[in-house]
């Protein structure tokens, strides 16, 4: 299984981007995954951004609440991160990750990195003021 993150690039402050995370699995398999987005700026630790569970439940980091929206299209085997009202401090490499062993009734901490067992390569987002 591979995850391919894309959609990053340069953007001006207060602008928008849509990041995509495509999985190389059958759509039925992807629907059983939880997917998370993390970001890492130079010299900083990896930070939780957002996650979406199998059931569609969503979780957000405090710094992006109200500005970012995570969603998924199981038929396309892709998760999305809509990034709005960007700020210079949103500049980072954005990574997507999948928890492939999630059960529907499970209770998982998607804000941490340990639950995820597959990671994609990053996509750079650079915000200019």
Protein backbone atom coordinates (compact mmCIF):
# COMPACT_ATOMS: atom_id res chain seq x y z
CA UNK A 1 0.00 0.00 0.00
CA UNK A 2 1.26 3.44 -0.90
CA UNK A 3 -0.03 6.91 -0.16
CA UNK A 4 0.63 9.74 -2.58
CA UNK A 5 0.26 13.27 -1.25
CA UNK A 6 -0.09 16.11 -3.72
CA UNK A 7 -1.48 19.59 -4.15
CA UNK A 8 1.09 21.61 -2.29
CA UNK A 9 2.83 24.66 -3.63
CA UNK A 10 3.30 28.37 -3.08
CA UNK A 11 0.28 30.35 -1.90
CA UNK A 12 -0.24 33.86 -0.63
CA UNK A 13 -1.53 34.53 2.84
CA UNK A 14 -5.34 34.28 3.09
CA UNK A 15 -5.32 32.02 0.02
CA UNK A 16 -6.42 28.41 -0.36
CA UNK A 17 -5.12 25.04 -1.46
CA UNK A 18 -6.53 21.55 -1.63
CA UNK A 19 -4.19 18.74 -0.72
CA UNK A 20 -4.89 15.19 -1.84
CA UNK A 21 -3.80 11.84 -0.44
CA UNK A 22 -4.36 9.00 -2.88
CA UNK A 23 -4.03 5.37 -1.85
CA UNK A 24 -2.93 2.54 -4.10
CA UNK A 25 -5.56 0.08 -2.89
CA UNK A 26 -9.04 -1.01 -3.87
CA UNK A 27 -11.79 1.43 -2.92
CA UNK A 28 -13.35 -1.06 -0.55
CA UNK A 29 -10.07 -1.40 1.28
CA UNK A 30 -9.54 2.36 1.48
CA UNK A 31 -12.94 2.82 3.07
CA UNK A 32 -11.69 0.83 6.07
CA UNK A 33 -8.77 3.20 6.65
CA UNK A 34 -8.58 6.20 8.89
CA UNK A 35 -6.48 8.96 7.35
CA UNK A 36 -4.56 11.72 9.03
CA UNK A 37 -2.63 14.78 7.96
CA UNK A 38 0.44 16.04 9.76
CA UNK A 39 2.86 18.81 8.98
CA UNK A 40 6.46 19.58 9.81
CA UNK A 41 8.15 22.93 9.53
CA UNK A 42 11.95 23.27 9.51
CA UNK A 43 13.37 22.82 12.98
CA UNK A 44 10.00 21.83 14.46
CA UNK A 45 8.37 18.60 15.48
CA UNK A 46 5.75 16.94 13.35
CA UNK A 47 2.36 18.46 14.19
CA UNK A 48 -1.10 16.95 13.95
CA UNK A 49 -3.34 18.77 11.49
CA UNK A 50 -6.47 16.73 10.89
CA UNK A 51 -7.83 13.20 10.69
CA UNK A 52 -10.89 11.43 9.41
CA UNK A 53 -12.05 8.09 10.71
CA UNK A 54 -13.70 5.20 8.94
CA UNK A 55 -17.12 6.50 9.87
CA UNK A 56 -16.30 10.01 8.69
CA UNK A 57 -15.66 11.46 12.12
CA UNK A 58 -13.24 14.35 11.87
CA UNK A 59 -10.59 15.72 14.21
CA UNK A 60 -8.57 18.92 13.95
CA UNK A 61 -5.54 20.47 15.52
CA UNK A 62 -6.23 23.67 17.44
CA UNK A 63 -4.16 25.80 15.08
CA UNK A 64 -6.24 24.87 12.02
CA UNK A 65 -9.77 24.59 13.38
CA UNK A 66 -12.18 26.66 11.37
CA UNK A 67 -9.73 27.05 8.47
CA UNK A 68 -8.94 23.52 7.30
CA UNK A 69 -11.40 20.81 6.34
CA UNK A 70 -10.63 17.14 5.92
CA UNK A 71 -12.81 14.89 3.77
CA UNK A 72 -12.64 11.64 1.90
CA UNK A 73 -13.95 10.09 -1.29
CA UNK A 74 -13.77 6.33 -0.86
CA UNK A 75 -14.68 5.65 -4.49
CA UNK A 76 -11.63 7.67 -5.54
CA UNK A 77 -9.52 6.17 -2.75
CA UNK A 78 -8.50 9.67 -1.80
CA UNK A 79 -8.58 11.89 1.24
CA UNK A 80 -8.50 15.66 0.93
CA UNK A 81 -7.39 18.55 3.06
CA UNK A 82 -8.98 21.86 2.10
CA UNK A 83 -6.68 24.57 3.36
CA UNK A 84 -8.26 28.01 3.62
CA UNK A 85 -7.21 31.38 5.02
CA UNK A 86 -3.61 30.27 5.09
CA UNK A 87 -1.05 32.03 7.24
CA UNK A 88 2.74 32.14 6.95
CA UNK A 89 2.94 29.84 9.95
CA UNK A 90 1.15 27.15 7.92
CA UNK A 91 4.32 26.78 5.85
CA UNK A 92 5.49 23.20 6.21
CA UNK A 93 5.78 19.84 4.54
CA UNK A 94 2.39 18.16 4.81
CA UNK A 95 2.24 14.39 5.21
CA UNK A 96 -0.70 12.06 5.00
CA UNK A 97 -0.86 8.78 6.87
CA UNK A 98 -3.24 5.87 7.18
CA UNK A 99 -4.36 3.66 10.01
CA UNK A 100 -5.13 0.49 8.09
CA UNK A 101 -6.29 -1.65 11.02
CA UNK A 102 -9.04 0.62 12.30
CA UNK A 103 -12.21 -1.11 13.45
CA UNK A 104 -15.48 0.74 13.22
CA UNK A 105 -16.11 0.72 16.95
CA UNK A 106 -12.52 1.38 17.90
CA UNK A 107 -11.37 4.31 19.99
CA UNK A 108 -8.11 5.67 18.66
CA UNK A 109 -5.98 8.72 19.26
CA UNK A 110 -5.59 10.09 15.78
CA UNK A 111 -3.73 13.16 16.98
CA UNK A 112 -0.59 11.14 17.59
CA UNK A 113 1.66 9.47 15.05
CA UNK A 114 1.81 6.01 16.62
CA UNK A 115 -1.57 4.78 15.42
CA UNK A 116 -0.67 5.26 11.76
CA UNK A 117 1.10 2.41 10.00
CA UNK A 118 1.51 3.84 6.51
CA UNK A 119 2.94 7.22 5.61
CA UNK A 120 3.09 9.01 2.32
CA UNK A 121 5.78 11.33 1.11
CA UNK A 122 5.25 14.97 1.93
CA UNK A 123 4.00 17.84 -0.13
CA UNK A 124 5.41 21.30 0.51
CA UNK A 125 3.14 24.21 1.28
CA UNK A 126 4.80 27.63 1.31
CA UNK A 127 2.78 30.65 2.40
CA UNK A 128 4.03 34.12 1.57
CA UNK A 129 2.83 37.20 3.39
